[in-house]
Amino acid sequence: MGISSLFKGAIKGAVVAKVLQVAERELRKPENQRKIKDGIKKLRGTRR
């Protein structure tokens, strides 16, 4: 395992952590929670 692959792994980890952080922040917003609930209701309605 070379230094470049170790470096790439570290960058991937940092990117994933940042994406999760942003997603978590967006999920805390009430308007986004409402959109998610509406989307789930639509999905459940189409399956039946």
C-alpha atoms as a PDB file:
ATOM      1  CA  MET A   1       0.000   0.000   0.000  1.00  0.00           C
ATOM      2  CA  GLY A   2       1.607   3.209  -1.164  1.00  0.00           C
ATOM      3  CA  ILE A   3       1.365   6.668   0.252  1.00  0.00           C
ATOM      4  CA  SER A   4      -0.868   7.790  -2.626  1.00  0.00           C
ATOM      5  CA  SER A   5      -3.494   5.119  -1.894  1.00  0.00           C
ATOM      6  CA  LEU A   6      -3.357   5.994   1.804  1.00  0.00           C
ATOM      7  CA  PHE A   7      -3.855   9.659   0.885  1.00  0.00           C
ATOM      8  CA  LYS A   8      -6.796   8.816  -1.404  1.00  0.00           C
ATOM      9  CA  GLY A   9      -8.392   6.797   1.397  1.00  0.00           C
ATOM     10  CA  ALA A  10      -8.063   9.718   3.800  1.00  0.00           C
ATOM     11  CA  ILE A  11      -9.631  12.102   1.278  1.00  0.00           C
ATOM     12  CA  LYS A  12     -12.539   9.706   0.650  1.00  0.00           C
ATOM     13  CA  GLY A  13     -13.126   9.455   4.399  1.00  0.00           C
ATOM     14  CA  ALA A  14     -13.142  13.229   4.768  1.00  0.00           C
ATOM     15  CA  VAL A  15     -15.576  13.656   1.860  1.00  0.00           C
ATOM     16  CA  VAL A  16     -17.954  11.035   3.279  1.00  0.00           C
ATOM     17  CA  ALA A  17     -17.820  12.677   6.719  1.00  0.00           C
ATOM     18  CA  LYS A  18     -18.616  16.097   5.207  1.00  0.00           C
ATOM     19  CA  VAL A  19     -21.526  14.717   3.149  1.00  0.00           C
ATOM     20  CA  LEU A  20     -22.994  13.078   6.262  1.00  0.00           C
ATOM     21  CA  GLN A  21     -22.569  16.324   8.214  1.00  0.00           C
ATOM     22  CA  VAL A  22     -24.399  18.359   5.554  1.00  0.00           C
ATOM     23  CA  ALA A  23     -27.160  15.740   5.249  1.00  0.00           C
ATOM     24  CA  GLU A  24     -27.655  15.728   9.015  1.00  0.00           C
ATOM     25  CA  ARG A  25     -27.902  19.529   9.078  1.00  0.00           C
ATOM     26  CA  GLU A  26     -30.447  19.527   6.233  1.00  0.00           C
ATOM     27  CA  LEU A  27     -32.552  16.843   7.941  1.00  0.00           C
ATOM     28  CA  ARG A  28     -32.893  19.051  11.026  1.00  0.00           C
ATOM     29  CA  LYS A  29     -34.759  21.693   9.014  1.00  0.00           C
ATOM     30  CA  PRO A  30     -38.560  21.365   9.428  1.00  0.00           C
ATOM     31  CA  GLU A  31     -39.306  22.082   5.760  1.00  0.00           C
ATOM     32  CA  ASN A  32     -37.029  19.230   4.686  1.00  0.00           C
ATOM     33  CA  GLN A  33     -38.618  16.861   7.215  1.00  0.00           C
ATOM     34  CA  ARG A  34     -42.020  17.714   5.730  1.00  0.00           C
ATOM     35  CA  LYS A  35     -40.759  17.065   2.178  1.00  0.00           C
ATOM     36  CA  ILE A  36     -39.390  13.672   3.243  1.00  0.00           C
ATOM     37  CA  LYS A  37     -42.668  12.700   4.918  1.00  0.00           C
ATOM     38  CA  ASP A  38     -44.624  13.741   1.817  1.00  0.00           C
ATOM     39  CA  GLY A  39     -42.267  11.736  -0.388  1.00  0.00           C
ATOM     40  CA  ILE A  40     -42.686   8.638   1.785  1.00  0.00           C
ATOM     41  CA  LYS A  41     -46.473   8.987   1.637  1.00  0.00           C
ATOM     42  CA  LYS A  42     -46.313   9.184  -2.181  1.00  0.00           C
ATOM     43  CA  LEU A  43     -44.114   6.082  -2.352  1.00  0.00           C
ATOM     44  CA  ARG A  44     -46.455   4.124  -0.108  1.00  0.00           C
ATOM     45  CA  GLY A  45     -49.430   5.221  -2.201  1.00  0.00           C
ATOM     46  CA  THR A  46     -47.901   4.024  -5.474  1.00  0.00           C
ATOM     47  CA  ARG A  47     -47.044   0.559  -4.158  1.00  0.00           C
ATOM     48  CA  ARG A  48     -50.641  -0.394  -3.327  1.00  0.00           C
END
